[in-house]
Protein backbone atom coordinates (compact mmCIF):
# COMPACT_ATOMS: atom_id res chain seq x y z
CA MET A 1 107.28 -29.23 -104.39
CA GLU A 2 110.34 -29.12 -105.87
CA LEU A 3 113.29 -30.94 -103.58
CA TRP A 4 116.88 -29.53 -105.06
CA PHE A 5 119.85 -30.89 -103.24
CA GLN A 6 122.74 -28.68 -103.28
CA GLY A 7 127.02 -28.77 -102.57
CA GLU A 8 130.42 -26.96 -102.98
CA ALA A 9 133.54 -28.00 -103.27
CA ARG A 10 137.13 -26.44 -103.26
CA ILE A 11 139.55 -28.45 -105.92
CA GLY A 12 143.13 -27.48 -105.61
CA GLN A 13 146.32 -27.98 -104.35
CA LYS A 14 148.49 -26.31 -101.78
CA ASN A 15 152.06 -27.45 -101.98
CA GLY A 16 153.80 -29.27 -98.77
CA ILE A 17 157.55 -29.23 -98.00
CA VAL A 18 159.57 -31.70 -99.79
CA ARG A 19 162.28 -33.85 -98.20
CA GLN A 20 165.71 -33.02 -98.70
CA TRP A 21 169.06 -34.73 -98.11
CA ALA A 22 171.41 -33.05 -95.73
CA ARG A 23 174.68 -34.21 -93.50
CA ARG A 24 174.02 -35.08 -90.15
CA GLY A 25 174.01 -32.21 -87.73
CA THR A 26 173.31 -29.58 -90.12
CA ARG A 27 170.34 -27.49 -90.05
CA LEU A 28 168.62 -27.10 -93.65
CA CYS A 29 167.33 -24.16 -94.84
CA GLN A 30 164.43 -24.91 -96.84
CA PRO A 31 162.06 -22.62 -98.71
CA ALA A 32 158.48 -23.26 -98.85
CA ASP A 33 156.57 -22.88 -101.92
CA GLN A 34 153.20 -21.05 -100.57
CA ARG A 35 151.29 -20.52 -104.24
CA TYR A 36 148.11 -22.38 -105.51
CA LYS A 37 145.56 -21.89 -106.99
CA SER A 38 142.02 -23.61 -106.70
CA ALA A 39 138.57 -23.48 -107.92
CA TYR A 40 135.32 -23.14 -106.40
CA LEU A 41 132.69 -25.43 -107.35
CA PHE A 42 128.92 -25.09 -106.15
CA GLY A 43 125.91 -27.22 -107.56
CA ALA A 44 122.94 -27.99 -107.15
CA ILE A 45 120.05 -30.52 -108.74
CA CYS A 46 116.91 -31.98 -108.96
CA PRO A 47 116.30 -35.35 -108.89
CA ALA A 48 112.78 -35.68 -109.70
CA LEU A 49 112.91 -33.17 -112.70
CA GLY A 50 116.15 -34.43 -113.66
CA ILE A 51 117.88 -30.87 -113.46
CA GLY A 52 120.83 -29.25 -112.19
CA ALA A 53 122.95 -26.33 -112.30
CA ALA A 54 126.86 -25.85 -111.60
CA LEU A 55 129.05 -22.93 -111.42
CA ALA A 56 132.95 -23.11 -111.19
CA LEU A 57 134.31 -20.07 -109.81
CA PRO A 58 137.85 -19.06 -108.98
CA PHE A 59 136.98 -17.30 -105.87
CA ALA A 60 134.61 -18.09 -103.25
CA ASP A 61 133.65 -14.93 -101.29
CA THR A 62 130.50 -12.86 -100.53
CA GLU A 63 130.22 -11.53 -104.25
CA ALA A 64 130.29 -14.91 -105.90
CA SER A 65 127.53 -15.89 -103.17
CA ARG A 66 125.59 -13.24 -104.58
CA LEU A 67 125.27 -14.75 -108.32
CA LYS A 68 122.18 -15.22 -109.50
């Protein structure tokens, strides 16, 4: 019997709002950068056999989960 462990992770950055100087009592117009890129990592390992496998994918959707 083989015992496998699996895991997944999303690696990437989503930009937040930055601080900005303004005169007291004025309202700021600060555009937010909503662009971001991520990579999705899926991996599995069998410690007893010392083998593992991993996939690094640009999307985590139904099609990606059906890869063999």
